[in-house]
């Protein structure tokens, strides 16, 4: 103890003091006169002053009165607690930028107090440094800035308190100590918890903040809390371990839970009404061992998507993911296991597994799941293990099915029950698509019938896509028909409407189209590496690209019309886009209304005869720097072009590079 402190204690003679009074001219003088263990009663009214508290005392209001304290100077704390244990009861502390400062070795207990500041920058109502400790019970914190700031080794316990901080952090904890919050209410107030000693949040309610809880510490437990209406609910962006139990999260714009590079356990939680994904597990960027997320008995309803997973190991048990606007579960990368869960009535995919990059694999396993009534239940089916999902009914394979039929309530039911080589005959009417063709089939219109296959519904904004951009973010867009690799589909006299893709042929698939109309798709026909397409007498209308071929795909079009969104549209639609080593033959075809009628890239080859390319911004062009400097990505066109008797007219520019420069042959 310093000589100055010993001298002040020697002068202290009083056990209780009521202040203000005539004997003690300042708040500090009244406190100096108290013996350790004494009590200062603050009289009713608004008072100004600052004091250093270096002994164990109680500061409270006179019985039945209300007292308000403000700092003597704008930057000074009202109280600075130094190496002592202090209780503050029933006070209203309204500071400029500093309320109560608790220094190393000190402890403060606040009961039924109100603490707030008026300044924004660098302000706090309660600040803790060193190994300071604080308990706040039945208190109100308010202001446009952090209510409580913890640094170094400090610790905090908050019980039954309320925080009102419009769009700011109510508690900012960057400490190696411990933080515990119980039964509190956060109105437009957020938590930033980076406490290395761990954090516990129990039975509390959060409303209206931009991000309710940002966790950057080592351990976090959240139990029985409600998170209502904001941009994001809980964000976990650094290595740590978070456990959420018996929580409800509702009405967020971006996501209810976002976890990156961390371990996450979610048990018995409910998520509803998030515009984006309910849960985003962005785990792929973690160094070392892949993190593990375990989700048990969670319910996700009426969100944009259910769960989006990008890396790491994820286990989902006894979950219910239903009635979301997008997909139920999307696996972009990582190892995912799903057990005893229900995924149903999601507008897009029930569960979608896609490996976007070759060095970031995606896999799925599990058993005893119910996946039904989604726009598309599981995709692609060949990536899911046998027994992953319960079959809704046993298959009755047959070689000929006619629809409508009471035996097959949907088009998908009919396709599932067709034997390899079978034929499906469609009568008049609309049929919901989202078909996965995993065997050789023929689907044709009945005599004089005009059947329409409609892609599963998607939001209007999903269909606004630039033809030179990304056509198919897989977790939001739905194809009408997908033909599995190595399988064959023949379509006759059918109209296909809407969707990300009208007909998608995967690697090595074969597709034959006769008198087929495809319209209002983003991509009309999409051919993967090695796919083969033959189309005769067809019409394809798309906003992004009528026909796109990749890898070594081969296509032949006869007497077929391809149409884009029109020159007046802001969408840069393409007629045909040939990439890789793809090859196309066009005989007596018409391409109109596109940004580029035919776009050639890489070593693609094109043969045209008797075809017309008209009313496009560019008739035919190579995907190279002279033609598209804004999109050029170091590609060089090394393919071939041949043909004769073609007509290029009413395009803004017929050829790029200009005719007759290579690669355009004479007479083309």
Foldseek 3Di string as FASTA:
>chain_A
DDPVLVVLLVQADDQEEEPDDDVQPAPASVQSNHHAAHEYAYEADEEEEAYEAEGEYEYEHDPPHAYEYEYNDQPDENYEYDQYEYEYERYEYEHAAEYYEYEANYEYEYELYEFEHEDAPNGERYEYDHQYEYEYENYEYEYQYAHYEYEEAYEYEYYAYEYYHAQYAPYAHQYCYEYEYEQYEYELHAHEAAHQVEYEYENYEYDDYQEHYEYAYAEYEYENYEYEAHQEYYEAAEEHEYEYYNYEYEHHAAEHYEHECYEYEYEQYEYERYAHEHYEYHHAPHPDAGHEYEYEAYEYEAYQEYYEYQEGEYEYEQYEFEHYAFEHYEYQAYEYEYEQYEQAHHQYEPYEYHDPDPVGHHAYEYANYAFDHYLAGYPPPVRYDPRRHDDPDDAQEDQEEEPPDPVQPAPQNVQRNYDANHEYEYAADEGEFLEEREHEYEYEYDVPGEYEYERRDADPVLQQDALLDDLDPPRGWGERYEYDAQHEYEYYNYEYEETSEDYEYEANYEYEYELYEYERYQEHYEYEANYEYEYENYEFEHAHEDYEYEHAYEYEYEQYEFEYPAPVDPHQHEHYEYYHAYEYEYELYEFERHQEDYEYFAAYEYEYENYEQAHYQEDYEYQDCVVCVVSHDPTDYDYAYYYAHYYYDHHNHHYVVHPPDPPHDPRD
